[in-house]
Amino acid sequence: MKSVSAVIRPTKLDDVIEALSAVGVKAFTTTEVKGFGQQKGHAQAYRGAECEVTFVPRIQIDAAISDNLLGKVIEAIGRAAKTGKIGDGKVFVSVLEHAVRVRTGETNEAAL
């Protein structure tokens, strides 16, 4: 099992959700986050004055998936989230050692 965490532009969320559903991801969690990276923020007007915003809004998507879906999931996120500009996001993958579905007590692959 793998844990996939993707940080994407908020405007691409619907596209990524559709792409994940198409490759068989049945459940995931989204969180509104703010990040700082190569983009180094952006200028924004506030009450007529321009100010520098260093943290940009992003959406983080977390999903627990089976190993056989990993390649498809990474490709789907990359294809759906890409604009070709700095700040498109990142995908992180880590090993998921154990999962439990609270309602039924199912574990690991059955819990996904």
C-alpha atoms as a PDB file:
ATOM      1  CA  MET A   1       0.000   0.000   0.000  1.00  0.00           C
ATOM      2  CA  LYS A   2       1.088   3.555  -0.688  1.00  0.00           C
ATOM      3  CA  SER A   3       0.121   6.971   0.631  1.00  0.00           C
ATOM      4  CA  VAL A   4      -0.002   9.593  -2.118  1.00  0.00           C
ATOM      5  CA  SER A   5      -0.060  13.269  -1.240  1.00  0.00           C
ATOM      6  CA  ALA A   6      -0.387  15.863  -4.005  1.00  0.00           C
ATOM      7  CA  VAL A   7      -0.239  19.633  -3.658  1.00  0.00           C
ATOM      8  CA  ILE A   8      -1.962  21.358  -6.579  1.00  0.00           C
ATOM      9  CA  ARG A   9      -3.482  24.645  -7.714  1.00  0.00           C
ATOM     10  CA  PRO A  10      -7.034  25.150  -6.385  1.00  0.00           C
ATOM     11  CA  THR A  11      -8.279  25.745  -9.936  1.00  0.00           C
ATOM     12  CA  LYS A  12      -7.216  22.228 -10.958  1.00  0.00           C
ATOM     13  CA  LEU A  13      -9.031  20.376  -8.157  1.00  0.00           C
ATOM     14  CA  ASP A  14     -12.053  19.315 -10.225  1.00  0.00           C
ATOM     15  CA  ASP A  15      -9.811  18.033 -13.025  1.00  0.00           C
ATOM     16  CA  VAL A  16      -7.688  16.011 -10.579  1.00  0.00           C
ATOM     17  CA  ILE A  17     -10.758  14.554  -8.837  1.00  0.00           C
ATOM     18  CA  GLU A  18     -12.133  13.438 -12.198  1.00  0.00           C
ATOM     19  CA  ALA A  19      -8.770  11.928 -13.206  1.00  0.00           C
ATOM     20  CA  LEU A  20      -8.401  10.038  -9.909  1.00  0.00           C
ATOM     21  CA  SER A  21     -11.928   8.638 -10.164  1.00  0.00           C
ATOM     22  CA  ALA A  22     -11.218   7.502 -13.731  1.00  0.00           C
ATOM     23  CA  VAL A  23      -8.219   5.399 -12.628  1.00  0.00           C
ATOM     24  CA  GLY A  24     -10.078   3.767  -9.735  1.00  0.00           C
ATOM     25  CA  VAL A  25      -9.291   5.851  -6.655  1.00  0.00           C
ATOM     26  CA  LYS A  26     -12.440   5.560  -4.573  1.00  0.00           C
ATOM     27  CA  ALA A  27     -11.618   7.784  -1.605  1.00  0.00           C
ATOM     28  CA  PHE A  28      -9.323  10.665  -0.774  1.00  0.00           C
ATOM     29  CA  THR A  29      -9.124  13.703   1.470  1.00  0.00           C
ATOM     30  CA  THR A  30      -8.572  17.316   0.439  1.00  0.00           C
ATOM     31  CA  THR A  31      -7.190  20.116   2.580  1.00  0.00           C
ATOM     32  CA  GLU A  32      -6.775  23.814   1.866  1.00  0.00           C
ATOM     33  CA  VAL A  33      -3.112  24.651   2.466  1.00  0.00           C
ATOM     34  CA  LYS A  34      -0.681  27.480   1.774  1.00  0.00           C
ATOM     35  CA  GLY A  35       2.780  26.932   0.383  1.00  0.00           C
ATOM     36  CA  PHE A  36       6.043  28.579  -0.501  1.00  0.00           C
ATOM     37  CA  GLY A  37       8.328  27.321  -3.245  1.00  0.00           C
ATOM     38  CA  GLN A  38      10.038  28.360  -6.473  1.00  0.00           C
ATOM     39  CA  GLN A  39       7.166  30.710  -7.238  1.00  0.00           C
ATOM     40  CA  LYS A  40       8.231  32.876  -4.247  1.00  0.00           C
ATOM     41  CA  GLY A  41       4.718  34.220  -3.730  1.00  0.00           C
ATOM     42  CA  HIS A  42       2.983  36.918  -5.742  1.00  0.00           C
ATOM     43  CA  ALA A  43       1.994  40.568  -5.575  1.00  0.00           C
ATOM     44  CA  GLN A  44      -1.584  41.353  -4.606  1.00  0.00           C
ATOM     45  CA  ALA A  45      -3.531  44.595  -4.301  1.00  0.00           C
ATOM     46  CA  TYR A  46      -5.163  45.221  -0.938  1.00  0.00           C
ATOM     47  CA  ARG A  47      -7.170  48.415  -0.392  1.00  0.00           C
ATOM     48  CA  GLY A  48      -5.337  50.126  -3.212  1.00  0.00           C
ATOM     49  CA  ALA A  49      -1.861  49.222  -1.974  1.00  0.00           C
ATOM     50  CA  GLU A  50       0.239  46.461  -3.486  1.00  0.00           C
ATOM     51  CA  CYS A  51       1.645  43.946  -1.036  1.00  0.00           C
ATOM     52  CA  GLU A  52       3.715  40.807  -1.426  1.00  0.00           C
ATOM     53  CA  VAL A  53       2.026  37.532  -0.511  1.00  0.00           C
ATOM     54  CA  THR A  54       4.695  34.915   0.196  1.00  0.00           C
ATOM     55  CA  PHE A  55       2.437  31.916   0.797  1.00  0.00           C
ATOM     56  CA  VAL A  56       0.188  30.923  -2.077  1.00  0.00           C
ATOM     57  CA  PRO A  57      -3.067  28.974  -1.625  1.00  0.00           C
ATOM     58  CA  ARG A  58      -2.976  25.326  -2.688  1.00  0.00           C
ATOM     59  CA  ILE A  59      -5.032  22.168  -2.254  1.00  0.00           C
ATOM     60  CA  GLN A  60      -3.502  19.031  -0.778  1.00  0.00           C
ATOM     61  CA  ILE A  61      -5.025  15.714  -1.822  1.00  0.00           C
ATOM     62  CA  ASP A  62      -4.221  12.607   0.236  1.00  0.00           C
ATOM     63  CA  ALA A  63      -5.112   9.085  -0.842  1.00  0.00           C
ATOM     64  CA  ALA A  64      -4.257   5.597   0.361  1.00  0.00           C
ATOM     65  CA  ILE A  65      -3.952   3.293  -2.641  1.00  0.00           C
ATOM     66  CA  SER A  66      -2.896  -0.227  -3.524  1.00  0.00           C
ATOM     67  CA  ASP A  67       0.577  -0.667  -5.003  1.00  0.00           C
ATOM     68  CA  ASN A  68      -0.749  -1.627  -8.442  1.00  0.00           C
ATOM     69  CA  LEU A  69      -2.465   1.778  -8.869  1.00  0.00           C
ATOM     70  CA  LEU A  70       0.600   3.897  -8.103  1.00  0.00           C
ATOM     71  CA  GLY A  71       1.784   4.551 -11.664  1.00  0.00           C
ATOM     72  CA  LYS A  72      -1.715   5.346 -12.910  1.00  0.00           C
ATOM     73  CA  VAL A  73      -2.394   7.690  -9.984  1.00  0.00           C
ATOM     74  CA  ILE A  74       0.838   9.672 -10.434  1.00  0.00           C
ATOM     75  CA  GLU A  75       0.235   9.964 -14.181  1.00  0.00           C
ATOM     76  CA  ALA A  76      -3.410  11.006 -13.678  1.00  0.00           C
ATOM     77  CA  ILE A  77      -2.504  13.722 -11.161  1.00  0.00           C
ATOM     78  CA  GLY A  78       0.334  15.015 -13.323  1.00  0.00           C
ATOM     79  CA  ARG A  79      -1.810  15.160 -16.446  1.00  0.00           C
ATOM     80  CA  ALA A  80      -4.803  16.796 -14.731  1.00  0.00           C
ATOM     81  CA  ALA A  81      -2.877  19.324 -12.610  1.00  0.00           C
ATOM     82  CA  LYS A  82      -0.393  20.509 -15.242  1.00  0.00           C
ATOM     83  CA  THR A  83      -0.565  24.029 -16.633  1.00  0.00           C
ATOM     84  CA  GLY A  84       3.092  24.203 -17.642  1.00  0.00           C
ATOM     85  CA  LYS A  85       3.809  27.127 -15.305  1.00  0.00           C
ATOM     86  CA  ILE A  86       5.805  27.379 -12.084  1.00  0.00           C
ATOM     87  CA  GLY A  87       3.591  26.383  -9.149  1.00  0.00           C
ATOM     88  CA  ASP A  88       1.770  23.435 -10.735  1.00  0.00           C
ATOM     89  CA  GLY A  89       2.478  21.377  -7.630  1.00  0.00           C
ATOM     90  CA  LYS A  90       4.151  18.222  -6.412  1.00  0.00           C
ATOM     91  CA  VAL A  91       3.274  14.578  -5.746  1.00  0.00           C
ATOM     92  CA  PHE A  92       4.766  12.750  -2.761  1.00  0.00           C
ATOM     93  CA  VAL A  93       4.615   8.975  -2.268  1.00  0.00           C
ATOM     94  CA  SER A  94       5.326   7.058   0.917  1.00  0.00           C
ATOM     95  CA  VAL A  95       4.883   3.494   2.087  1.00  0.00           C
ATOM     96  CA  LEU A  96       1.721   2.868   4.073  1.00  0.00           C
ATOM     97  CA  GLU A  97       2.384   0.127   6.596  1.00  0.00           C
ATOM     98  CA  HIS A  98      -1.064  -0.484   7.991  1.00  0.00           C
ATOM     99  CA  ALA A  99      -4.657   0.666   7.432  1.00  0.00           C
ATOM    100  CA  VAL A 100      -7.840  -0.049   9.396  1.00  0.00           C
ATOM    101  CA  ARG A 101     -11.427   0.725   8.445  1.00  0.00           C
ATOM    102  CA  VAL A 102     -12.907   1.840  11.765  1.00  0.00           C
ATOM    103  CA  ARG A 103     -16.502   0.843  11.014  1.00  0.00           C
ATOM    104  CA  THR A 104     -15.803  -2.798  10.049  1.00  0.00           C
ATOM    105  CA  GLY A 105     -12.362  -3.531  11.443  1.00  0.00           C
ATOM    106  CA  GLU A 106     -11.081  -4.498   7.971  1.00  0.00           C
ATOM    107  CA  THR A 107      -7.335  -4.054   7.600  1.00  0.00           C
ATOM    108  CA  ASN A 108      -4.798  -3.184   4.920  1.00  0.00           C
ATOM    109  CA  GLU A 109      -5.972  -3.665   1.290  1.00  0.00           C
ATOM    110  CA  ALA A 110      -9.515  -4.544   2.392  1.00  0.00           C
ATOM    111  CA  ALA A 111      -9.692  -1.264   4.327  1.00  0.00           C
ATOM    112  CA  LEU A 112      -8.929   0.792   1.247  1.00  0.00           C
END
